[in-house]
Amino acid sequence: MSNTRRAQPKVSLTTTGVVYLLHFHQRLGTDRHYAQHYWGFTPDLEARVQKHRAGQGARITEVLKQRGIGFDVVAVWPGNRQIENALKLHSATRACPVCTPSPRIPRIIRKAVEAEERRQGRAARQEVTGPPRARSPYRRGAELAQMFVRAQVAAGRTADQIAGAHAYITGPWRERAQASEAQAETFRGYSDMVAAALARLREDPAASGRRREAKRPAAARRWPRRPVAEREDGLPQNADGSLSRSRTTDAQKLAAGVMTSAQQAEHSALGGGHPGEHKTPKGERERVQRLTAAAAARRTDPWATPAPQAQPARQREMEPEAG
């Protein structure tokens, strides 16, 4: 069985009513399996409690009515149907003030209460300040131009490059014959803001470089590469110090002890090659001759057999010649 937890569904914190907790005066069930609480949700708490007392709200309150067991509403919080379903997955004893002297408010309830307080605060501020003002088309175009210029400057573009990009972007709009008044105002605000920004950049060209360095994240700065010693033969080399095959001829490769292009192609073909190169068919490849134990025993091991030692010249002179 996997030890991973099942992903919990996301619960909405938008309150559409109240979540309430009922505490029964007596337990229902046996000593081992019983129920003494009920979680519920309703937009109208008074009407819902009246139905419960009449035995019409839920099956468990109907049984309470039949057995003459009373109940009390011990907790009421803002919530919704999803919050009610989430609370029913946990024990209600910890949240009941009758069963627990210092009950813990469930975390989902705390989040819902905080969200409701923030919503009421925003509503109160809107009553004082009024609804937010709608942006004019001219202002909307100016804000779009600010975003465009800021992105171009951060990328290191010069004033002329930004002007060329602006002309390229706005070219299709200039060719349009029909445009509404709002679109014309948006384009006018966009063009005016870009023209003002280009004038400032042309007056101080170094501002583009300063802004780019100021906004460059620390992670984008590259560490200096470790210096690599130059080759003694003076041939071109890669960043890691190896010989550059693309900048050397076959004669230079051969002199440096590196395979030439033809030798490398032949070597790759023996192993099957790789895409784009000649591959030797498997039927034409030479099969590896495997030695048996008897054949290996008859072969001379150059590492185990001592090499014949040459006699010193003085000893050869002292030996008599045959015949």
C-alpha atoms as a PDB file:
ATOM      1  CA  MET A   1       0.000   0.000   0.000  1.00  0.00           C
ATOM      2  CA  SER A   2       1.340   3.414  -0.886  1.00  0.00           C
ATOM      3  CA  ASN A   3       2.229   5.784   1.935  1.00  0.00           C
ATOM      4  CA  THR A   4       1.463   8.889  -0.109  1.00  0.00           C
ATOM      5  CA  ARG A   5      -1.449  11.011   1.021  1.00  0.00           C
ATOM      6  CA  ARG A   6      -4.439  11.528  -1.206  1.00  0.00           C
ATOM      7  CA  ALA A   7      -4.610  15.073  -2.532  1.00  0.00           C
ATOM      8  CA  GLN A   8      -7.276  17.016  -0.663  1.00  0.00           C
ATOM      9  CA  PRO A   9      -9.831  18.858  -2.840  1.00  0.00           C
ATOM     10  CA  LYS A  10      -9.677  22.624  -2.728  1.00  0.00           C
ATOM     11  CA  VAL A  11     -12.386  24.090  -0.494  1.00  0.00           C
ATOM     12  CA  SER A  12     -13.976  27.428  -1.341  1.00  0.00           C
ATOM     13  CA  LEU A  13     -13.856  30.053   1.420  1.00  0.00           C
ATOM     14  CA  THR A  14     -16.715  32.131   0.038  1.00  0.00           C
ATOM     15  CA  THR A  15     -19.414  32.190   2.701  1.00  0.00           C
ATOM     16  CA  THR A  16     -22.983  31.633   1.554  1.00  0.00           C
ATOM     17  CA  GLY A  17     -24.523  30.936   4.963  1.00  0.00           C
ATOM     18  CA  VAL A  18     -23.544  29.501   8.353  1.00  0.00           C
ATOM     19  CA  VAL A  19     -22.145  26.178   9.517  1.00  0.00           C
ATOM     20  CA  TYR A  20     -23.604  24.995  12.843  1.00  0.00           C
ATOM     21  CA  LEU A  21     -22.893  22.198  15.316  1.00  0.00           C
ATOM     22  CA  LEU A  22     -25.605  20.348  17.268  1.00  0.00           C
ATOM     23  CA  HIS A  23     -24.843  18.585  20.578  1.00  0.00           C
ATOM     24  CA  PHE A  24     -27.278  15.825  21.610  1.00  0.00           C
ATOM     25  CA  HIS A  25     -28.314  15.467  25.256  1.00  0.00           C
ATOM     26  CA  GLN A  26     -27.837  11.689  24.984  1.00  0.00           C
ATOM     27  CA  ARG A  27     -25.744   9.464  22.789  1.00  0.00           C
ATOM     28  CA  LEU A  28     -27.269   7.516  19.931  1.00  0.00           C
ATOM     29  CA  GLY A  29     -25.953   3.986  19.384  1.00  0.00           C
ATOM     30  CA  THR A  30     -23.938   1.556  21.487  1.00  0.00           C
ATOM     31  CA  ASP A  31     -21.116   2.144  23.946  1.00  0.00           C
ATOM     32  CA  ARG A  32     -18.600   1.441  21.191  1.00  0.00           C
ATOM     33  CA  HIS A  33     -20.266   3.053  18.202  1.00  0.00           C
ATOM     34  CA  TYR A  34     -22.319   6.139  18.903  1.00  0.00           C
ATOM     35  CA  ALA A  35     -23.101   9.658  17.682  1.00  0.00           C
ATOM     36  CA  GLN A  36     -23.609  12.784  19.748  1.00  0.00           C
ATOM     37  CA  HIS A  37     -23.012  15.638  17.263  1.00  0.00           C
ATOM     38  CA  TYR A  38     -24.278  16.828  13.926  1.00  0.00           C
ATOM     39  CA  TRP A  39     -22.661  19.277  11.461  1.00  0.00           C
ATOM     40  CA  GLY A  40     -24.998  21.231   9.239  1.00  0.00           C
ATOM     41  CA  PHE A  41     -25.137  24.165   6.854  1.00  0.00           C
ATOM     42  CA  THR A  42     -27.970  26.566   6.137  1.00  0.00           C
ATOM     43  CA  PRO A  43     -28.482  30.117   4.890  1.00  0.00           C
ATOM     44  CA  ASP A  44     -31.305  30.544   7.471  1.00  0.00           C
ATOM     45  CA  LEU A  45     -30.304  29.157  10.873  1.00  0.00           C
ATOM     46  CA  GLU A  46     -33.584  29.826  12.727  1.00  0.00           C
ATOM     47  CA  ALA A  47     -35.767  28.071  10.142  1.00  0.00           C
ATOM     48  CA  ARG A  48     -33.340  25.149   9.924  1.00  0.00           C
ATOM     49  CA  VAL A  49     -33.282  24.614  13.708  1.00  0.00           C
ATOM     50  CA  GLN A  50     -37.060  24.634  13.803  1.00  0.00           C
ATOM     51  CA  LYS A  51     -37.145  21.863  11.210  1.00  0.00           C
ATOM     52  CA  HIS A  52     -34.618  19.867  13.256  1.00  0.00           C
ATOM     53  CA  ARG A  53     -36.749  20.188  16.391  1.00  0.00           C
ATOM     54  CA  ALA A  54     -39.785  19.045  14.414  1.00  0.00           C
ATOM     55  CA  GLY A  55     -37.848  15.995  13.174  1.00  0.00           C
ATOM     56  CA  GLN A  56     -37.798  17.117   9.536  1.00  0.00           C
ATOM     57  CA  GLY A  57     -34.275  18.506   9.043  1.00  0.00           C
ATOM     58  CA  ALA A  58     -32.273  15.258   8.804  1.00  0.00           C
ATOM     59  CA  ARG A  59     -32.649  11.545   9.508  1.00  0.00           C
ATOM     60  CA  ILE A  60     -30.656  11.737  12.735  1.00  0.00           C
ATOM     61  CA  THR A  61     -32.816  14.559  14.142  1.00  0.00           C
ATOM     62  CA  GLU A  62     -35.896  12.563  13.147  1.00  0.00           C
ATOM     63  CA  VAL A  63     -34.614   9.719  15.341  1.00  0.00           C
ATOM     64  CA  LEU A  64     -33.966  12.199  18.151  1.00  0.00           C
ATOM     65  CA  LYS A  65     -37.561  13.379  17.878  1.00  0.00           C
ATOM     66  CA  GLN A  66     -38.869   9.804  18.004  1.00  0.00           C
ATOM     67  CA  ARG A  67     -36.809   8.951  21.108  1.00  0.00           C
ATOM     68  CA  GLY A  68     -37.461  12.245  22.852  1.00  0.00           C
ATOM     69  CA  ILE A  69     -33.801  13.326  22.961  1.00  0.00           C
ATOM     70  CA  GLY A  70     -33.128  17.037  22.885  1.00  0.00           C
ATOM     71  CA  PHE A  71     -30.171  18.936  21.431  1.00  0.00           C
ATOM     72  CA  ASP A  72     -28.512  22.353  21.586  1.00  0.00           C
ATOM     73  CA  VAL A  73     -26.862  24.540  18.965  1.00  0.00           C
ATOM     74  CA  VAL A  74     -23.384  24.925  20.485  1.00  0.00           C
ATOM     75  CA  ALA A  75     -21.404  26.561  17.631  1.00  0.00           C
ATOM     76  CA  VAL A  76     -22.196  28.748  14.618  1.00  0.00           C
ATOM     77  CA  TRP A  77     -19.624  29.978  12.084  1.00  0.00           C
ATOM     78  CA  PRO A  78     -19.760  31.476   8.584  1.00  0.00           C
ATOM     79  CA  GLY A  79     -19.256  28.877   5.870  1.00  0.00           C
ATOM     80  CA  ASN A  80     -20.663  27.039   2.884  1.00  0.00           C
ATOM     81  CA  ARG A  81     -21.597  23.515   1.774  1.00  0.00           C
ATOM     82  CA  GLN A  82     -17.990  22.558   0.991  1.00  0.00           C
ATOM     83  CA  ILE A  83     -16.831  23.608   4.459  1.00  0.00           C
ATOM     84  CA  GLU A  84     -19.623  21.515   5.995  1.00  0.00           C
ATOM     85  CA  ASN A  85     -18.509  18.439   4.020  1.00  0.00           C
ATOM     86  CA  ALA A  86     -14.895  19.019   5.071  1.00  0.00           C
ATOM     87  CA  LEU A  87     -15.875  19.263   8.753  1.00  0.00           C
ATOM     88  CA  LYS A  88     -17.834  16.010   8.615  1.00  0.00           C
ATOM     89  CA  LEU A  89     -14.587  14.159   7.842  1.00  0.00           C
ATOM     90  CA  HIS A  90     -13.217  14.991  11.312  1.00  0.00           C
ATOM     91  CA  SER A  91     -14.352  14.520  14.886  1.00  0.00           C
ATOM     92  CA  ALA A  92     -16.781  17.124  16.203  1.00  0.00           C
ATOM     93  CA  THR A  93     -15.898  16.434  19.853  1.00  0.00           C
ATOM     94  CA  ARG A  94     -12.823  18.682  19.730  1.00  0.00           C
ATOM     95  CA  ALA A  95     -14.904  21.606  18.450  1.00  0.00           C
ATOM     96  CA  CYS A  96     -17.801  21.096  20.861  1.00  0.00           C
ATOM     97  CA  PRO A  97     -17.627  23.419  23.910  1.00  0.00           C
ATOM     98  CA  VAL A  98     -19.787  20.975  25.957  1.00  0.00           C
ATOM     99  CA  CYS A  99     -17.475  17.990  25.410  1.00  0.00           C
ATOM    100  CA  THR A 100     -14.200  19.909  25.398  1.00  0.00           C
ATOM    101  CA  PRO A 101     -13.576  22.708  27.941  1.00  0.00           C
ATOM    102  CA  SER A 102     -11.278  24.639  25.577  1.00  0.00           C
ATOM    103  CA  PRO A 103     -12.427  23.630  22.089  1.00  0.00           C
ATOM    104  CA  ARG A 104     -10.244  24.190  19.038  1.00  0.00           C
ATOM    105  CA  ILE A 105     -11.787  26.088  16.184  1.00  0.00           C
ATOM    106  CA  PRO A 106     -11.146  24.070  12.993  1.00  0.00           C
ATOM    107  CA  ARG A 107      -8.539  25.586  10.705  1.00  0.00           C
ATOM    108  CA  ILE A 108     -10.911  25.683   7.739  1.00  0.00           C
ATOM    109  CA  ILE A 109     -13.296  27.748   9.883  1.00  0.00           C
ATOM    110  CA  ARG A 110     -10.518  30.162  10.838  1.00  0.00           C
ATOM    111  CA  LYS A 111      -9.631  30.641   7.187  1.00  0.00           C
ATOM    112  CA  ALA A 112     -13.262  31.237   6.263  1.00  0.00           C
ATOM    113  CA  VAL A 113     -13.652  33.802   9.058  1.00  0.00           C
ATOM    114  CA  GLU A 114     -10.493  35.647   7.940  1.00  0.00           C
ATOM    115  CA  ALA A 115     -11.683  35.655   4.324  1.00  0.00           C
ATOM    116  CA  GLU A 116     -15.078  37.010   5.395  1.00  0.00           C
ATOM    117  CA  GLU A 117     -13.414  39.774   7.445  1.00  0.00           C
ATOM    118  CA  ARG A 118     -11.271  40.786   4.467  1.00  0.00           C
ATOM    119  CA  ARG A 119     -14.338  40.847   2.224  1.00  0.00           C
ATOM    120  CA  GLN A 120     -16.246  43.021   4.671  1.00  0.00           C
ATOM    121  CA  GLY A 121     -13.240  45.348   4.976  1.00  0.00           C
ATOM    122  CA  ARG A 122     -13.056  45.783   1.204  1.00  0.00           C
ATOM    123  CA  ALA A 123     -16.773  46.451   1.073  1.00  0.00           C
ATOM    124  CA  ALA A 124     -16.472  49.086   3.808  1.00  0.00           C
ATOM    125  CA  ARG A 125     -13.602  50.828   2.008  1.00  0.00           C
ATOM    126  CA  GLN A 126     -15.566  50.878  -1.224  1.00  0.00           C
ATOM    127  CA  GLU A 127     -18.491  52.527   0.540  1.00  0.00           C
ATOM    128  CA  VAL A 128     -16.169  55.309   1.717  1.00  0.00           C
ATOM    129  CA  THR A 129     -14.096  55.810  -1.430  1.00  0.00           C
ATOM    130  CA  GLY A 130     -16.674  54.705  -3.964  1.00  0.00           C
ATOM    131  CA  PRO A 131     -16.127  52.279  -6.827  1.00  0.00           C
ATOM    132  CA  PRO A 132     -12.749  52.400  -8.611  1.00  0.00           C
ATOM    133  CA  ARG A 133     -12.596  54.799 -11.499  1.00  0.00           C
ATOM    134  CA  ALA A 134     -12.462  53.336 -14.958  1.00  0.00           C
ATOM    135  CA  ARG A 135      -9.275  54.017 -16.882  1.00  0.00           C
ATOM    136  CA  SER A 136      -9.595  56.187 -19.932  1.00  0.00           C
ATOM    137  CA  PRO A 137      -8.482  54.725 -23.290  1.00  0.00           C
ATOM    138  CA  TYR A 138      -5.624  57.246 -23.440  1.00  0.00           C
ATOM    139  CA  ARG A 139      -4.331  56.166 -20.000  1.00  0.00           C
ATOM    140  CA  ARG A 140      -4.653  52.506 -20.928  1.00  0.00           C
ATOM    141  CA  GLY A 141      -2.508  53.075 -24.015  1.00  0.00           C
ATOM    142  CA  ALA A 142       0.088  55.004 -21.979  1.00  0.00           C
ATOM    143  CA  GLU A 143       0.339  52.143 -19.470  1.00  0.00           C
ATOM    144  CA  LEU A 144       0.829  49.625 -22.280  1.00  0.00           C
ATOM    145  CA  ALA A 145       3.593  51.822 -23.691  1.00  0.00           C
ATOM    146  CA  GLN A 146       5.330  51.983 -20.300  1.00  0.00           C
ATOM    147  CA  MET A 147       5.346  48.182 -20.097  1.00  0.00           C
ATOM    148  CA  PHE A 148       6.717  47.946 -23.644  1.00  0.00           C
ATOM    149  CA  VAL A 149       9.518  50.471 -23.089  1.00  0.00           C
ATOM    150  CA  ARG A 150      10.437  48.948 -19.718  1.00  0.00           C
ATOM    151  CA  ALA A 151      10.800  45.491 -21.275  1.00  0.00           C
ATOM    152  CA  GLN A 152      12.883  46.841 -24.176  1.00  0.00           C
ATOM    153  CA  VAL A 153      15.225  48.758 -21.877  1.00  0.00           C
ATOM    154  CA  ALA A 154      15.649  45.723 -19.623  1.00  0.00           C
ATOM    155  CA  ALA A 155      16.666  43.721 -22.701  1.00  0.00           C
ATOM    156  CA  GLY A 156      19.397  46.247 -23.524  1.00  0.00           C
ATOM    157  CA  ARG A 157      17.825  47.806 -26.610  1.00  0.00           C
ATOM    158  CA  THR A 158      18.944  51.235 -27.767  1.00  0.00           C
ATOM    159  CA  ALA A 159      16.602  54.109 -28.592  1.00  0.00           C
ATOM    160  CA  ASP A 160      16.829  53.415 -32.327  1.00  0.00           C
ATOM    161  CA  GLN A 161      16.101  49.731 -31.836  1.00  0.00           C
ATOM    162  CA  ILE A 162      13.087  50.530 -29.646  1.00  0.00           C
ATOM    163  CA  ALA A 163      11.824  52.988 -32.268  1.00  0.00           C
ATOM    164  CA  GLY A 164      12.130  50.304 -34.966  1.00  0.00           C
ATOM    165  CA  ALA A 165      10.256  47.761 -32.821  1.00  0.00           C
ATOM    166  CA  HIS A 166       7.541  50.346 -32.126  1.00  0.00           C
ATOM    167  CA  ALA A 167       7.107  51.077 -35.833  1.00  0.00           C
ATOM    168  CA  TYR A 168       6.934  47.347 -36.601  1.00  0.00           C
ATOM    169  CA  ILE A 169       4.328  46.677 -33.901  1.00  0.00           C
ATOM    170  CA  THR A 170       2.088  49.635 -34.747  1.00  0.00           C
ATOM    171  CA  GLY A 171       2.437  49.242 -38.519  1.00  0.00           C
ATOM    172  CA  PRO A 172      -0.655  47.008 -39.022  1.00  0.00           C
ATOM    173  CA  TRP A 173      -2.783  49.408 -36.961  1.00  0.00           C
ATOM    174  CA  ARG A 174      -1.732  52.389 -39.065  1.00  0.00           C
ATOM    175  CA  GLU A 175      -2.898  50.563 -42.185  1.00  0.00           C
ATOM    176  CA  ARG A 176      -6.389  50.049 -40.786  1.00  0.00           C
ATOM    177  CA  ALA A 177      -8.911  52.408 -42.354  1.00  0.00           C
ATOM    178  CA  GLN A 178     -11.603  52.064 -39.707  1.00  0.00           C
ATOM    179  CA  ALA A 179     -11.099  52.442 -35.956  1.00  0.00           C
ATOM    180  CA  SER A 180     -13.371  53.414 -33.097  1.00  0.00           C
ATOM    181  CA  GLU A 181     -12.814  56.540 -31.050  1.00  0.00           C
ATOM    182  CA  ALA A 182     -11.643  54.512 -28.042  1.00  0.00           C
ATOM    183  CA  GLN A 183      -9.088  52.630 -30.161  1.00  0.00           C
ATOM    184  CA  ALA A 184      -7.800  55.881 -31.593  1.00  0.00           C
ATOM    185  CA  GLU A 185      -7.352  57.323 -28.074  1.00  0.00           C
ATOM    186  CA  THR A 186      -5.549  54.168 -26.918  1.00  0.00           C
ATOM    187  CA  PHE A 187      -3.171  54.362 -29.870  1.00  0.00           C
ATOM    188  CA  ARG A 188      -2.570  58.064 -29.259  1.00  0.00           C
ATOM    189  CA  GLY A 189      -1.686  57.474 -25.600  1.00  0.00           C
ATOM    190  CA  TYR A 190       0.589  54.589 -26.606  1.00  0.00           C
ATOM    191  CA  SER A 191       2.415  56.634 -29.249  1.00  0.00           C
ATOM    192  CA  ASP A 192       2.800  59.722 -27.041  1.00  0.00           C
ATOM    193  CA  MET A 193       4.299  57.713 -24.182  1.00  0.00           C
ATOM    194  CA  VAL A 194       6.740  55.858 -26.481  1.00  0.00           C
ATOM    195  CA  ALA A 195       7.831  59.148 -28.083  1.00  0.00           C
ATOM    196  CA  ALA A 196       8.462  60.721 -24.661  1.00  0.00           C
ATOM    197  CA  ALA A 197      10.436  57.678 -23.486  1.00  0.00           C
ATOM    198  CA  LEU A 198      12.568  57.659 -26.653  1.00  0.00           C
ATOM    199  CA  ALA A 199      13.349  61.355 -26.183  1.00  0.00           C
ATOM    200  CA  ARG A 200      14.596  60.690 -22.640  1.00  0.00           C
ATOM    201  CA  LEU A 201      16.720  57.760 -23.801  1.00  0.00           C
ATOM    202  CA  ARG A 202      18.317  59.785 -26.597  1.00  0.00           C
ATOM    203  CA  GLU A 203      19.219  62.536 -24.116  1.00  0.00           C
ATOM    204  CA  ASP A 204      20.864  60.027 -21.750  1.00  0.00           C
ATOM    205  CA  PRO A 205      21.888  56.852 -23.685  1.00  0.00           C
ATOM    206  CA  ALA A 206      23.749  55.479 -20.647  1.00  0.00           C
ATOM    207  CA  ALA A 207      20.468  55.192 -18.726  1.00  0.00           C
ATOM    208  CA  SER A 208      19.579  52.074 -20.708  1.00  0.00           C
ATOM    209  CA  GLY A 209      22.757  50.304 -19.617  1.00  0.00           C
ATOM    210  CA  ARG A 210      22.356  51.370 -15.974  1.00  0.00           C
ATOM    211  CA  ARG A 211      18.791  50.111 -15.822  1.00  0.00           C
ATOM    212  CA  ARG A 212      19.787  46.817 -17.408  1.00  0.00           C
ATOM    213  CA  GLU A 213      22.548  46.232 -14.855  1.00  0.00           C
ATOM    214  CA  ALA A 214      20.308  47.303 -11.976  1.00  0.00           C
ATOM    215  CA  LYS A 215      17.503  44.912 -12.969  1.00  0.00           C
ATOM    216  CA  ARG A 216      19.737  42.003 -13.918  1.00  0.00           C
ATOM    217  CA  PRO A 217      19.083  39.210 -11.383  1.00  0.00           C
ATOM    218  CA  ALA A 218      21.989  37.808  -9.437  1.00  0.00           C
ATOM    219  CA  ALA A 219      21.323  34.323 -10.831  1.00  0.00           C
ATOM    220  CA  ALA A 220      21.890  35.604 -14.392  1.00  0.00           C
ATOM    221  CA  ARG A 221      25.441  36.727 -13.651  1.00  0.00           C
ATOM    222  CA  ARG A 222      27.902  34.169 -14.914  1.00  0.00           C
ATOM    223  CA  TRP A 223      30.930  33.164 -12.939  1.00  0.00           C
ATOM    224  CA  PRO A 224      34.240  33.643 -14.762  1.00  0.00           C
ATOM    225  CA  ARG A 225      35.452  30.487 -16.449  1.00  0.00           C
ATOM    226  CA  ARG A 226      38.498  28.748 -15.131  1.00  0.00           C
ATOM    227  CA  PRO A 227      41.472  29.579 -17.349  1.00  0.00           C
ATOM    228  CA  VAL A 228      42.765  26.659 -19.437  1.00  0.00           C
ATOM    229  CA  ALA A 229      46.429  26.331 -20.353  1.00  0.00           C
ATOM    230  CA  GLU A 230      47.155  26.808 -24.048  1.00  0.00           C
ATOM    231  CA  ARG A 231      48.380  23.856 -26.097  1.00  0.00           C
ATOM    232  CA  GLU A 232      52.074  23.615 -26.735  1.00  0.00           C
ATOM    233  CA  ASP A 233      51.544  23.015 -30.459  1.00  0.00           C
ATOM    234  CA  GLY A 234      49.425  26.194 -30.733  1.00  0.00           C
ATOM    235  CA  LEU A 235      46.464  24.441 -32.368  1.00  0.00           C
ATOM    236  CA  PRO A 236      42.915  25.731 -31.773  1.00  0.00           C
ATOM    237  CA  GLN A 237      41.281  24.296 -28.681  1.00  0.00           C
ATOM    238  CA  ASN A 238      37.864  24.173 -27.020  1.00  0.00           C
ATOM    239  CA  ALA A 239      36.877  25.779 -23.726  1.00  0.00           C
ATOM    240  CA  ASP A 240      37.859  22.604 -21.827  1.00  0.00           C
ATOM    241  CA  GLY A 241      41.319  22.500 -23.409  1.00  0.00           C
ATOM    242  CA  SER A 242      40.653  19.690 -25.906  1.00  0.00           C
ATOM    243  CA  LEU A 243      41.609  19.991 -29.570  1.00  0.00           C
ATOM    244  CA  SER A 244      39.003  21.689 -31.732  1.00  0.00           C
ATOM    245  CA  ARG A 245      38.128  19.256 -34.531  1.00  0.00           C
ATOM    246  CA  SER A 246      36.120  21.818 -36.522  1.00  0.00           C
ATOM    247  CA  ARG A 247      39.047  24.286 -36.737  1.00  0.00           C
ATOM    248  CA  THR A 248      41.864  21.860 -37.555  1.00  0.00           C
ATOM    249  CA  THR A 249      42.799  19.950 -40.692  1.00  0.00           C
ATOM    250  CA  ASP A 250      43.358  16.196 -40.961  1.00  0.00           C
ATOM    251  CA  ALA A 251      47.108  16.744 -41.102  1.00  0.00           C
ATOM    252  CA  GLN A 252      47.023  18.736 -37.862  1.00  0.00           C
ATOM    253  CA  LYS A 253      44.845  16.076 -36.216  1.00  0.00           C
ATOM    254  CA  LEU A 254      47.236  13.345 -37.296  1.00  0.00           C
ATOM    255  CA  ALA A 255      50.258  15.275 -36.007  1.00  0.00           C
ATOM    256  CA  ALA A 256      48.511  15.847 -32.657  1.00  0.00           C
ATOM    257  CA  GLY A 257      47.682  12.147 -32.269  1.00  0.00           C
ATOM    258  CA  VAL A 258      43.939  12.572 -32.850  1.00  0.00           C
ATOM    259  CA  MET A 259      41.839  10.542 -35.292  1.00  0.00           C
ATOM    260  CA  THR A 260      41.214  12.175 -38.633  1.00  0.00           C
ATOM    261  CA  SER A 261      37.718  12.591 -40.012  1.00  0.00           C
ATOM    262  CA  ALA A 262      38.023   9.440 -42.135  1.00  0.00           C
ATOM    263  CA  GLN A 263      39.382   7.423 -39.215  1.00  0.00           C
ATOM    264  CA  GLN A 264      36.615   8.623 -36.938  1.00  0.00           C
ATOM    265  CA  ALA A 265      33.947   7.743 -39.536  1.00  0.00           C
ATOM    266  CA  GLU A 266      35.466   4.255 -39.905  1.00  0.00           C
ATOM    267  CA  HIS A 267      35.603   3.855 -36.151  1.00  0.00           C
ATOM    268  CA  SER A 268      31.960   4.899 -35.771  1.00  0.00           C
ATOM    269  CA  ALA A 269      30.901   2.550 -38.583  1.00  0.00           C
ATOM    270  CA  LEU A 270      32.432  -0.432 -36.776  1.00  0.00           C
ATOM    271  CA  GLY A 271      30.178   0.182 -33.804  1.00  0.00           C
ATOM    272  CA  GLY A 272      27.028   0.792 -35.828  1.00  0.00           C
ATOM    273  CA  GLY A 273      27.593   4.518 -36.262  1.00  0.00           C
ATOM    274  CA  HIS A 274      25.089   7.182 -35.305  1.00  0.00           C
ATOM    275  CA  PRO A 275      22.472   9.127 -37.297  1.00  0.00           C
ATOM    276  CA  GLY A 276      23.859  10.769 -40.418  1.00  0.00           C
ATOM    277  CA  GLU A 277      26.892   8.480 -40.764  1.00  0.00           C
ATOM    278  CA  HIS A 278      27.590   5.336 -42.771  1.00  0.00           C
ATOM    279  CA  LYS A 279      26.633   2.209 -40.869  1.00  0.00           C
ATOM    280  CA  THR A 280      28.152  -1.160 -41.570  1.00  0.00           C
ATOM    281  CA  PRO A 281      25.399  -3.769 -41.947  1.00  0.00           C
ATOM    282  CA  LYS A 282      25.415  -6.372 -39.234  1.00  0.00           C
ATOM    283  CA  GLY A 283      25.895  -9.139 -41.790  1.00  0.00           C
ATOM    284  CA  GLU A 284      29.160  -7.579 -43.024  1.00  0.00           C
ATOM    285  CA  ARG A 285      30.661  -6.953 -39.609  1.00  0.00           C
ATOM    286  CA  GLU A 286      33.432  -9.302 -38.516  1.00  0.00           C
ATOM    287  CA  ARG A 287      32.355 -11.682 -35.826  1.00  0.00           C
ATOM    288  CA  VAL A 288      34.341 -11.769 -32.625  1.00  0.00           C
ATOM    289  CA  GLN A 289      36.338 -14.999 -32.345  1.00  0.00           C
ATOM    290  CA  ARG A 290      35.886 -16.297 -28.852  1.00  0.00           C
ATOM    291  CA  LEU A 291      38.656 -18.518 -27.460  1.00  0.00           C
ATOM    292  CA  THR A 292      37.935 -21.758 -25.754  1.00  0.00           C
ATOM    293  CA  ALA A 293      39.692 -22.729 -22.541  1.00  0.00           C
ATOM    294  CA  ALA A 294      42.002 -25.159 -24.393  1.00  0.00           C
ATOM    295  CA  ALA A 295      42.972 -22.576 -27.041  1.00  0.00           C
ATOM    296  CA  ALA A 296      43.622 -19.970 -24.401  1.00  0.00           C
ATOM    297  CA  ALA A 297      45.889 -22.394 -22.536  1.00  0.00           C
ATOM    298  CA  ARG A 298      48.030 -22.993 -25.662  1.00  0.00           C
ATOM    299  CA  ARG A 299      48.515 -19.277 -26.294  1.00  0.00           C
ATOM    300  CA  THR A 300      51.599 -17.598 -24.900  1.00  0.00           C
ATOM    301  CA  ASP A 301      50.843 -14.970 -22.329  1.00  0.00           C
ATOM    302  CA  PRO A 302      53.240 -12.045 -22.992  1.00  0.00           C
ATOM    303  CA  TRP A 303      52.733 -10.799 -19.461  1.00  0.00           C
ATOM    304  CA  ALA A 304      53.546 -14.104 -17.790  1.00  0.00           C
ATOM    305  CA  THR A 305      56.369 -15.444 -20.044  1.00  0.00           C
ATOM    306  CA  PRO A 306      59.696 -13.646 -19.401  1.00  0.00           C
ATOM    307  CA  ALA A 307      61.314 -12.110 -22.448  1.00  0.00           C
ATOM    308  CA  PRO A 308      64.606 -13.698 -23.610  1.00  0.00           C
ATOM    309  CA  GLN A 309      67.514 -11.806 -22.177  1.00  0.00           C
ATOM    310  CA  ALA A 310      70.344 -10.673 -24.430  1.00  0.00           C
ATOM    311  CA  GLN A 311      73.853 -11.748 -23.434  1.00  0.00           C
ATOM    312  CA  PRO A 312      76.404  -9.073 -22.639  1.00  0.00           C
ATOM    313  CA  ALA A 313      78.842  -8.261 -25.432  1.00  0.00           C
ATOM    314  CA  ARG A 314      81.927  -9.191 -23.295  1.00  0.00           C
ATOM    315  CA  GLN A 315      80.508 -12.652 -22.554  1.00  0.00           C
ATOM    316  CA  ARG A 316      79.890 -13.278 -26.260  1.00  0.00           C
ATOM    317  CA  GLU A 317      83.489 -12.401 -27.056  1.00  0.00           C
ATOM    318  CA  MET A 318      84.871 -14.850 -24.485  1.00  0.00           C
ATOM    319  CA  GLU A 319      82.783 -17.777 -25.716  1.00  0.00           C
ATOM    320  CA  PRO A 320      84.583 -19.929 -28.366  1.00  0.00           C
ATOM    321  CA  GLU A 321      83.123 -19.939 -31.769  1.00  0.00           C
ATOM    322  CA  ALA A 322      81.655 -23.155 -32.971  1.00  0.00           C
ATOM    323  CA  GLY A 323      83.642 -25.053 -35.679  1.00  0.00           C
END
